[in-house]
Amino acid sequence: MKIAIDPFMHRHLPLEEIPRKVRELGYDWIELSPRG
């Protein structure tokens, strides 16, 4: 099983900064789900 972070709570960050933030938090995977 892979545990991923949903970056929605960090939506204030620019897209380029999201992977860096995810690594800072200790995650290896990002869940990118469409929001409608």
PDB file of N, CA and C in Angstrom:
ATOM      1  N   MET A   1       0.842  -1.162   0.000  1.00  0.00           N
ATOM      2  CA  MET A   1       0.000   0.000   0.000  1.00  0.00           C
ATOM      3  C   MET A   1       0.895   1.236   0.000  1.00  0.00           C
ATOM      4  N   LYS A   2       0.522   2.238  -0.775  1.00  0.00           N
ATOM      5  CA  LYS A   2       1.240   3.513  -0.820  1.00  0.00           C
ATOM      6  C   LYS A   2       0.383   4.574  -0.151  1.00  0.00           C
ATOM      7  N   ILE A   3       0.985   5.344   0.711  1.00  0.00           N
ATOM      8  CA  ILE A   3       0.269   6.431   1.375  1.00  0.00           C
ATOM      9  C   ILE A   3       0.667   7.734   0.691  1.00  0.00           C
ATOM     10  N   ALA A   4      -0.334   8.441   0.192  1.00  0.00           N
ATOM     11  CA  ALA A   4      -0.111   9.681  -0.550  1.00  0.00           C
ATOM     12  C   ALA A   4      -0.761  10.840   0.184  1.00  0.00           C
ATOM     13  N   ILE A   5      -0.284  12.033  -0.113  1.00  0.00           N
ATOM     14  CA  ILE A   5      -0.881  13.243   0.450  1.00  0.00           C
ATOM     15  C   ILE A   5      -1.742  13.901  -0.621  1.00  0.00           C
ATOM     16  N   ASP A   6      -2.874  14.406  -0.212  1.00  0.00           N
ATOM     17  CA  ASP A   6      -3.723  15.211  -1.094  1.00  0.00           C
ATOM     18  C   ASP A   6      -3.295  16.660  -0.868  1.00  0.00           C
ATOM     19  N   PRO A   7      -2.695  17.314  -1.852  1.00  0.00           N
ATOM     20  CA  PRO A   7      -2.143  18.652  -1.641  1.00  0.00           C
ATOM     21  C   PRO A   7      -3.179  19.767  -1.568  1.00  0.00           C
ATOM     22  N   PHE A   8      -4.469  19.436  -1.500  1.00  0.00           N
ATOM     23  CA  PHE A   8      -5.515  20.461  -1.482  1.00  0.00           C
ATOM     24  C   PHE A   8      -5.312  21.456  -0.340  1.00  0.00           C
ATOM     25  N   MET A   9      -4.844  20.977   0.806  1.00  0.00           N
ATOM     26  CA  MET A   9      -4.666  21.883   1.945  1.00  0.00           C
ATOM     27  C   MET A   9      -3.520  22.869   1.723  1.00  0.00           C
ATOM     28  N   HIS A  10      -2.692  22.610   0.722  1.00  0.00           N
ATOM     29  CA  HIS A  10      -1.580  23.512   0.403  1.00  0.00           C
ATOM     30  C   HIS A  10      -1.827  24.218  -0.927  1.00  0.00           C
ATOM     31  N   ARG A  11      -3.084  24.412  -1.283  1.00  0.00           N
ATOM     32  CA  ARG A  11      -3.440  25.003  -2.580  1.00  0.00           C
ATOM     33  C   ARG A  11      -2.984  26.450  -2.711  1.00  0.00           C
ATOM     34  N   HIS A  12      -2.608  27.085  -1.597  1.00  0.00           N
ATOM     35  CA  HIS A  12      -2.115  28.460  -1.653  1.00  0.00           C
ATOM     36  C   HIS A  12      -0.706  28.534  -2.247  1.00  0.00           C
ATOM     37  N   LEU A  13      -0.013  27.397  -2.299  1.00  0.00           N
ATOM     38  CA  LEU A  13       1.341  27.361  -2.853  1.00  0.00           C
ATOM     39  C   LEU A  13       1.296  27.298  -4.377  1.00  0.00           C
ATOM     40  N   PRO A  14       2.302  27.866  -5.036  1.00  0.00           N
ATOM     41  CA  PRO A  14       2.388  27.705  -6.493  1.00  0.00           C
ATOM     42  C   PRO A  14       2.588  26.223  -6.836  1.00  0.00           C
ATOM     43  N   LEU A  15       2.131  25.810  -7.996  1.00  0.00           N
ATOM     44  CA  LEU A  15       2.220  24.416  -8.415  1.00  0.00           C
ATOM     45  C   LEU A  15       3.652  23.874  -8.332  1.00  0.00           C
ATOM     46  N   GLU A  16       4.628  24.710  -8.660  1.00  0.00           N
ATOM     47  CA  GLU A  16       6.025  24.270  -8.647  1.00  0.00           C
ATOM     48  C   GLU A  16       6.524  23.971  -7.233  1.00  0.00           C
ATOM     49  N   GLU A  17       5.893  24.543  -6.215  1.00  0.00           N
ATOM     50  CA  GLU A  17       6.321  24.355  -4.829  1.00  0.00           C
ATOM     51  C   GLU A  17       5.699  23.123  -4.168  1.00  0.00           C
ATOM     52  N   ILE A  18       4.635  22.582  -4.743  1.00  0.00           N
ATOM     53  CA  ILE A  18       3.926  21.457  -4.125  1.00  0.00           C
ATOM     54  C   ILE A  18       4.846  20.244  -3.919  1.00  0.00           C
ATOM     55  N   PRO A  19       5.608  19.787  -4.932  1.00  0.00           N
ATOM     56  CA  PRO A  19       6.474  18.621  -4.694  1.00  0.00           C
ATOM     57  C   PRO A  19       7.489  18.841  -3.568  1.00  0.00           C
ATOM     58  N   ARG A  20       8.023  20.037  -3.468  1.00  0.00           N
ATOM     59  CA  ARG A  20       8.974  20.331  -2.391  1.00  0.00           C
ATOM     60  C   ARG A  20       8.297  20.223  -1.025  1.00  0.00           C
ATOM     61  N   LYS A  21       7.097  20.763  -0.912  1.00  0.00           N
ATOM     62  CA  LYS A  21       6.352  20.710   0.348  1.00  0.00           C
ATOM     63  C   LYS A  21       6.018  19.269   0.723  1.00  0.00           C
ATOM     64  N   VAL A  22       5.620  18.477  -0.270  1.00  0.00           N
ATOM     65  CA  VAL A  22       5.295  17.070  -0.027  1.00  0.00           C
ATOM     66  C   VAL A  22       6.509  16.335   0.541  1.00  0.00           C
ATOM     67  N   ARG A  23       7.680  16.578  -0.023  1.00  0.00           N
ATOM     68  CA  ARG A  23       8.910  15.943   0.479  1.00  0.00           C
ATOM     69  C   ARG A  23       9.238  16.427   1.883  1.00  0.00           C
ATOM     70  N   GLU A  24       9.057  17.719   2.149  1.00  0.00           N
ATOM     71  CA  GLU A  24       9.306  18.255   3.494  1.00  0.00           C
ATOM     72  C   GLU A  24       8.448  17.550   4.535  1.00  0.00           C
ATOM     73  N   LEU A  25       7.224  17.196   4.148  1.00  0.00           N
ATOM     74  CA  LEU A  25       6.298  16.535   5.065  1.00  0.00           C
ATOM     75  C   LEU A  25       6.553  15.033   5.173  1.00  0.00           C
ATOM     76  N   GLY A  26       7.490  14.521   4.371  1.00  0.00           N
ATOM     77  CA  GLY A  26       7.868  13.115   4.466  1.00  0.00           C
ATOM     78  C   GLY A  26       7.099  12.158   3.577  1.00  0.00           C
ATOM     79  N   TYR A  27       6.372  12.676   2.607  1.00  0.00           N
ATOM     80  CA  TYR A  27       5.611  11.819   1.696  1.00  0.00           C
ATOM     81  C   TYR A  27       6.403  11.564   0.422  1.00  0.00           C
ATOM     82  N   ASP A  28       6.165  10.408  -0.186  1.00  0.00           N
ATOM     83  CA  ASP A  28       6.792  10.060  -1.458  1.00  0.00           C
ATOM     84  C   ASP A  28       5.826  10.176  -2.631  1.00  0.00           C
ATOM     85  N   TRP A  29       4.524  10.225  -2.347  1.00  0.00           N
ATOM     86  CA  TRP A  29       3.507  10.200  -3.389  1.00  0.00           C
ATOM     87  C   TRP A  29       2.529  11.353  -3.205  1.00  0.00           C
ATOM     88  N   ILE A  30       2.018  11.861  -4.338  1.00  0.00           N
ATOM     89  CA  ILE A  30       1.021  12.934  -4.337  1.00  0.00           C
ATOM     90  C   ILE A  30      -0.248  12.398  -5.001  1.00  0.00           C
ATOM     91  N   GLU A  31      -1.378  12.598  -4.358  1.00  0.00           N
ATOM     92  CA  GLU A  31      -2.674  12.205  -4.924  1.00  0.00           C
ATOM     93  C   GLU A  31      -3.274  13.427  -5.613  1.00  0.00           C
ATOM     94  N   LEU A  32      -3.423  13.361  -6.921  1.00  0.00           N
ATOM     95  CA  LEU A  32      -3.997  14.467  -7.682  1.00  0.00           C
ATOM     96  C   LEU A  32      -5.378  14.048  -8.168  1.00  0.00           C
ATOM     97  N   SER A  33      -6.390  14.419  -7.428  1.00  0.00           N
ATOM     98  CA  SER A  33      -7.771  14.059  -7.744  1.00  0.00           C
ATOM     99  C   SER A  33      -8.507  15.267  -8.300  1.00  0.00           C
ATOM    100  N   PRO A  34      -9.335  15.053  -9.318  1.00  0.00           N
ATOM    101  CA  PRO A  34     -10.127  16.174  -9.828  1.00  0.00           C
ATOM    102  C   PRO A  34     -11.160  16.619  -8.799  1.00  0.00           C
ATOM    103  N   ARG A  35     -11.361  17.897  -8.714  1.00  0.00           N
ATOM    104  CA  ARG A  35     -12.373  18.445  -7.809  1.00  0.00           C
ATOM    105  C   ARG A  35     -13.381  19.193  -8.667  1.00  0.00           C
ATOM    106  N   GLY A  36     -14.613  18.863  -8.504  1.00  0.00           N
ATOM    107  CA  GLY A  36     -15.616  19.456  -9.365  1.00  0.00           C
ATOM    108  C   GLY A  36     -16.583  20.210  -8.639  1.00  0.00           C
TER     109      GLY A  36
END
